[in-house]
N, C-alpha and C. Protein backbone atom coordinates (compact mmCIF):
# COMPACT_ATOMS: atom_id res chain seq x y z
N MET A 1 -4.39 11.08 20.03
CA MET A 1 -3.80 11.52 18.79
C MET A 1 -4.60 12.66 17.96
N ASN A 2 -4.21 13.59 17.61
CA ASN A 2 -5.01 14.72 16.62
C ASN A 2 -5.13 13.57 15.49
N LYS A 3 -6.70 13.65 14.59
CA LYS A 3 -6.55 12.47 13.49
C LYS A 3 -6.27 13.91 12.60
N LYS A 4 -6.34 15.15 12.36
CA LYS A 4 -5.04 15.98 11.60
C LYS A 4 -3.73 15.47 11.45
N LEU A 5 -3.13 15.56 12.84
CA LEU A 5 -1.57 15.42 12.77
C LEU A 5 -1.20 13.78 12.47
N LEU A 6 -2.39 12.70 12.60
CA LEU A 6 -2.07 11.69 12.31
C LEU A 6 -2.08 11.57 10.38
N HIS A 7 -2.84 12.18 10.23
CA HIS A 7 -2.96 12.13 8.58
C HIS A 7 -1.40 12.67 7.86
N ARG A 8 -1.38 13.98 8.68
CA ARG A 8 -0.13 14.71 8.41
C ARG A 8 1.09 13.82 8.25
N ILE A 9 1.25 13.06 9.38
CA ILE A 9 2.39 12.15 9.49
C ILE A 9 2.33 10.59 8.79
N ILE A 10 1.29 10.22 8.14
CA ILE A 10 1.38 9.13 7.13
C ILE A 10 1.35 9.81 6.33
N GLY A 11 1.12 11.67 5.47
CA GLY A 11 1.12 11.62 4.63
C GLY A 11 2.74 11.96 4.03
N PHE A 12 3.44 12.39 5.02
CA PHE A 12 4.85 12.07 4.81
C PHE A 12 5.47 11.33 4.97
N SER A 13 4.73 10.38 5.64
CA SER A 13 5.49 9.02 5.80
C SER A 13 5.49 8.22 4.16
N VAL A 14 4.03 8.79 3.96
CA VAL A 14 4.18 8.25 2.00
C VAL A 14 4.87 8.86 0.87
N PHE A 15 4.85 10.13 1.50
CA PHE A 15 6.34 10.89 0.78
C PHE A 15 7.40 10.44 0.61
N LEU A 16 7.81 10.76 1.37
CA LEU A 16 9.06 9.38 2.09
C LEU A 16 9.31 8.32 1.37
N ILE A 17 8.28 7.41 1.75
CA ILE A 17 8.83 6.26 1.01
C ILE A 17 8.32 6.05 -1.02
N THR A 18 7.93 6.80 -0.95
CA THR A 18 7.53 6.92 -2.69
C THR A 18 8.42 7.60 -3.39
N ALA A 19 9.12 8.88 -2.66
CA ALA A 19 10.81 9.39 -3.02
C ALA A 19 11.80 8.32 -3.01
N PHE A 20 11.81 7.81 -1.72
CA PHE A 20 13.04 6.71 -1.90
C PHE A 20 12.55 5.82 -2.61
N VAL A 21 11.97 4.91 -3.12
CA VAL A 21 11.40 4.37 -4.37
C VAL A 21 11.59 4.96 -5.57
N TYR A 22 10.79 5.58 -5.86
CA TYR A 22 11.37 6.02 -7.40
C TYR A 22 12.94 7.00 -7.35
N PHE A 23 13.77 7.30 -6.39
CA PHE A 23 14.96 7.77 -5.96
C PHE A 23 15.80 6.71 -6.66
N LEU A 24 15.27 5.34 -6.17
CA LEU A 24 16.05 4.14 -6.68
C LEU A 24 15.78 3.47 -8.42
N THR A 25 15.26 4.04 -8.46
CA THR A 25 14.71 3.63 -9.91
C THR A 25 15.23 4.71 -10.79
N VAL A 26 15.42 5.65 -10.56
CA VAL A 26 15.76 6.86 -11.66
C VAL A 26 16.67 6.43 -12.22
N GLN A 27 16.19 7.09 -13.63
CA GLN A 27 17.32 6.87 -15.07
C GLN A 27 18.29 7.79 -14.67
N PRO A 28 19.72 7.14 -14.96
CA PRO A 28 20.96 7.70 -14.62
C PRO A 28 21.49 8.29 -15.47
N SER A 29 21.04 8.77 -16.87
CA SER A 29 21.23 8.84 -17.94
C SER A 29 19.74 8.89 -18.23
N VAL A 30 20.40 9.72 -20.27
CA VAL A 30 19.28 10.41 -20.89
C VAL A 30 18.57 8.92 -21.65
N SER A 31 17.13 8.88 -21.56
CA SER A 31 16.57 7.75 -22.23
C SER A 31 15.76 7.91 -23.39
N PHE A 32 15.02 7.31 -23.51
CA PHE A 32 14.22 7.75 -25.12
C PHE A 32 13.39 8.40 -25.13
N TRP A 33 12.83 8.86 -26.40
CA TRP A 33 11.70 9.88 -26.66
C TRP A 33 12.42 11.25 -26.47
N ASP A 34 11.26 11.96 -25.71
CA ASP A 34 11.78 13.48 -25.57
C ASP A 34 12.89 13.87 -24.26
N CYS A 35 13.03 12.88 -23.55
CA CYS A 35 13.97 12.95 -22.00
C CYS A 35 15.36 13.80 -22.83
N GLY A 36 15.81 13.90 -23.35
CA GLY A 36 17.10 14.13 -23.56
C GLY A 36 17.07 15.67 -24.75
N GLU A 37 15.66 15.90 -25.21
CA GLU A 37 15.45 16.97 -25.27
C GLU A 37 15.31 17.88 -24.29
N PHE A 38 14.58 17.40 -23.11
CA PHE A 38 14.14 18.24 -22.07
C PHE A 38 15.49 18.61 -21.56
N ILE A 39 16.24 17.49 -20.92
CA ILE A 39 17.55 17.66 -20.32
C ILE A 39 18.33 18.59 -20.83
N ALA A 40 18.33 18.46 -22.33
CA ALA A 40 19.26 19.86 -22.92
C ALA A 40 19.09 21.03 -22.93
N SER A 41 17.29 21.28 -22.97
CA SER A 41 16.86 22.42 -23.26
C SER A 41 16.87 23.21 -21.55
N ALA A 42 16.42 21.74 -20.35
CA ALA A 42 16.67 22.76 -18.83
C ALA A 42 18.33 22.93 -18.62
N TYR A 43 18.86 22.24 -19.42
CA TYR A 43 20.62 22.70 -18.58
C TYR A 43 20.86 24.27 -19.33
N LEU A 44 20.27 24.06 -20.90
CA LEU A 44 20.72 25.52 -21.55
C LEU A 44 19.66 26.31 -21.65
N MET A 45 18.85 26.46 -20.48
CA MET A 45 17.37 27.44 -21.03
C MET A 45 16.73 27.45 -21.89
N GLN A 46 16.47 26.58 -22.92
CA GLN A 46 16.28 26.73 -24.13
C GLN A 46 14.70 26.48 -24.22
N VAL A 47 14.18 26.71 -25.02
CA VAL A 47 12.61 25.94 -25.06
C VAL A 47 12.26 24.86 -26.31
N PRO A 48 12.04 23.62 -25.94
CA PRO A 48 12.02 22.09 -26.36
C PRO A 48 10.96 22.54 -27.70
N HIS A 49 9.94 21.52 -27.96
CA HIS A 49 8.76 21.89 -28.64
C HIS A 49 7.36 22.31 -28.26
N PRO A 50 6.82 22.92 -28.91
CA PRO A 50 5.76 23.25 -27.60
C PRO A 50 4.92 22.30 -27.04
N PRO A 51 4.44 22.51 -26.20
CA PRO A 51 4.15 24.29 -25.12
C PRO A 51 5.43 24.17 -24.12
N GLY A 52 6.35 23.57 -24.12
CA GLY A 52 7.59 23.97 -23.57
C GLY A 52 7.79 23.55 -22.73
N THR A 53 6.58 23.51 -22.09
CA THR A 53 6.72 23.13 -19.98
C THR A 53 7.87 24.18 -18.96
N PRO A 54 7.48 25.31 -19.04
CA PRO A 54 8.61 26.36 -18.62
C PRO A 54 8.90 25.76 -17.38
N LEU A 55 7.67 25.32 -16.20
CA LEU A 55 8.18 25.04 -15.10
C LEU A 55 9.41 23.84 -14.63
N PHE A 56 8.75 22.55 -15.63
CA PHE A 56 10.31 21.26 -15.44
C PHE A 56 11.21 22.77 -15.93
N LEU A 57 11.09 23.30 -16.69
CA LEU A 57 12.63 23.53 -17.15
C LEU A 57 13.47 24.43 -16.48
N ILE A 58 12.57 25.55 -15.73
CA ILE A 58 13.38 26.14 -14.61
C ILE A 58 13.16 25.27 -13.24
N LEU A 59 12.95 24.32 -12.81
CA LEU A 59 13.20 23.46 -11.92
C LEU A 59 14.20 22.53 -12.40
N GLY A 60 14.29 22.25 -13.89
CA GLY A 60 15.16 21.50 -14.09
C GLY A 60 16.75 21.97 -14.45
N ARG A 61 16.36 23.25 -14.55
CA ARG A 61 18.10 24.25 -14.36
C ARG A 61 18.24 24.40 -13.07
N PHE A 62 17.30 24.36 -12.04
CA PHE A 62 17.78 24.87 -10.73
C PHE A 62 18.46 23.58 -10.57
N PHE A 63 18.00 22.59 -10.53
CA PHE A 63 18.91 20.89 -9.82
C PHE A 63 19.87 20.97 -10.86
N SER A 64 19.73 21.12 -12.27
CA SER A 64 21.30 20.84 -12.51
C SER A 64 22.49 21.52 -12.28
N MET A 65 22.18 22.64 -11.48
CA MET A 65 23.07 23.51 -11.21
C MET A 65 23.36 23.27 -10.09
N ILE A 66 22.92 22.32 -8.96
CA ILE A 66 23.12 21.54 -7.38
C ILE A 66 24.14 20.69 -7.92
N PRO A 67 25.38 20.47 -7.02
CA PRO A 67 26.29 19.33 -7.46
C PRO A 67 26.24 18.01 -6.75
N PHE A 68 25.29 17.60 -7.13
CA PHE A 68 24.68 16.19 -5.71
C PHE A 68 25.25 14.69 -6.74
N ALA A 69 25.26 15.44 -7.74
CA ALA A 69 25.69 14.05 -8.91
C ALA A 69 26.79 14.91 -10.19
N GLU A 70 27.62 13.84 -10.96
CA GLU A 70 28.24 14.46 -11.75
C GLU A 70 27.13 14.16 -12.90
N ASN A 71 26.50 13.54 -13.18
CA ASN A 71 25.60 13.60 -14.58
C ASN A 71 24.73 14.35 -14.18
N ILE A 72 24.35 15.75 -15.31
CA ILE A 72 23.30 16.28 -15.58
C ILE A 72 21.89 15.80 -15.63
N ALA A 73 22.20 14.83 -16.72
CA ALA A 73 20.82 14.11 -16.87
C ALA A 73 20.06 13.28 -15.49
N PHE A 74 20.86 12.71 -14.66
CA PHE A 74 20.72 12.30 -13.54
C PHE A 74 20.14 13.40 -12.46
N ARG A 75 20.83 14.46 -12.31
CA ARG A 75 20.08 15.85 -11.42
C ARG A 75 18.48 16.17 -12.58
N VAL A 76 18.92 16.64 -13.65
CA VAL A 76 16.99 16.83 -14.01
C VAL A 76 16.34 15.84 -14.23
N ASN A 77 16.63 14.71 -14.11
CA ASN A 77 15.69 12.90 -13.51
C ASN A 77 15.12 13.09 -12.46
N THR A 78 15.86 13.74 -11.37
CA THR A 78 15.84 14.25 -10.07
C THR A 78 14.46 15.04 -9.72
N VAL A 79 14.00 15.89 -10.71
CA VAL A 79 13.03 16.72 -10.68
C VAL A 79 11.75 15.85 -10.86
N SER A 80 11.45 14.78 -11.70
CA SER A 80 10.68 14.37 -12.01
C SER A 80 10.43 13.18 -10.68
N VAL A 81 11.33 12.43 -10.12
CA VAL A 81 11.83 12.43 -8.85
C VAL A 81 10.81 12.84 -7.93
N LEU A 82 11.30 14.32 -7.65
CA LEU A 82 10.55 14.68 -6.54
C LEU A 82 8.99 15.33 -6.41
N SER A 83 9.04 15.88 -8.08
CA SER A 83 7.82 15.80 -8.79
C SER A 83 5.97 14.72 -8.30
N SER A 84 6.87 13.80 -8.59
CA SER A 84 5.93 12.24 -8.12
C SER A 84 5.75 12.06 -6.84
N ALA A 85 6.38 12.35 -6.36
CA ALA A 85 6.63 11.92 -4.93
C ALA A 85 5.12 12.83 -4.49
N PHE A 86 5.69 14.38 -4.40
CA PHE A 86 4.84 15.32 -3.97
C PHE A 86 3.29 15.04 -4.73
N THR A 87 3.11 14.56 -6.13
CA THR A 87 2.01 14.23 -6.64
C THR A 87 1.17 13.27 -5.51
N VAL A 88 1.92 12.45 -5.43
CA VAL A 88 1.41 11.16 -4.44
C VAL A 88 1.11 11.80 -2.97
N LEU A 89 1.75 12.78 -2.67
CA LEU A 89 1.32 13.50 -1.14
C LEU A 89 0.49 13.72 -1.20
N PHE A 90 0.34 15.03 -2.07
CA PHE A 90 -0.96 15.69 -2.41
C PHE A 90 -2.28 14.98 -2.86
N VAL A 91 -2.29 13.68 -3.10
CA VAL A 91 -3.69 12.59 -3.32
C VAL A 91 -4.15 12.39 -2.53
N TYR A 92 -2.76 11.63 -1.41
CA TYR A 92 -3.29 10.84 -0.19
C TYR A 92 -3.82 12.29 0.68
N LEU A 93 -3.36 13.67 0.67
CA LEU A 93 -4.28 14.33 1.24
C LEU A 93 -5.87 15.02 0.97
């Protein structure tokens, strides 16, 4: 087996395991500190306190429009799950 292919398979499996574990532990509603502000800002496409994190707000708005859960906070928190899992993948590669 090619080394490059093996690294990609391992990286993809690490991504799936990490995403699964993070998805099991995702906050189903609003938690402490700035989470509620960012969830509301992403849902309504408003600007939170500076610097505003525009990428998170755009992704949060996109995920809030996908009807895979009833709670909008859970949908927006899924952005953090996927971005953390992709971070683990890119650190591995």
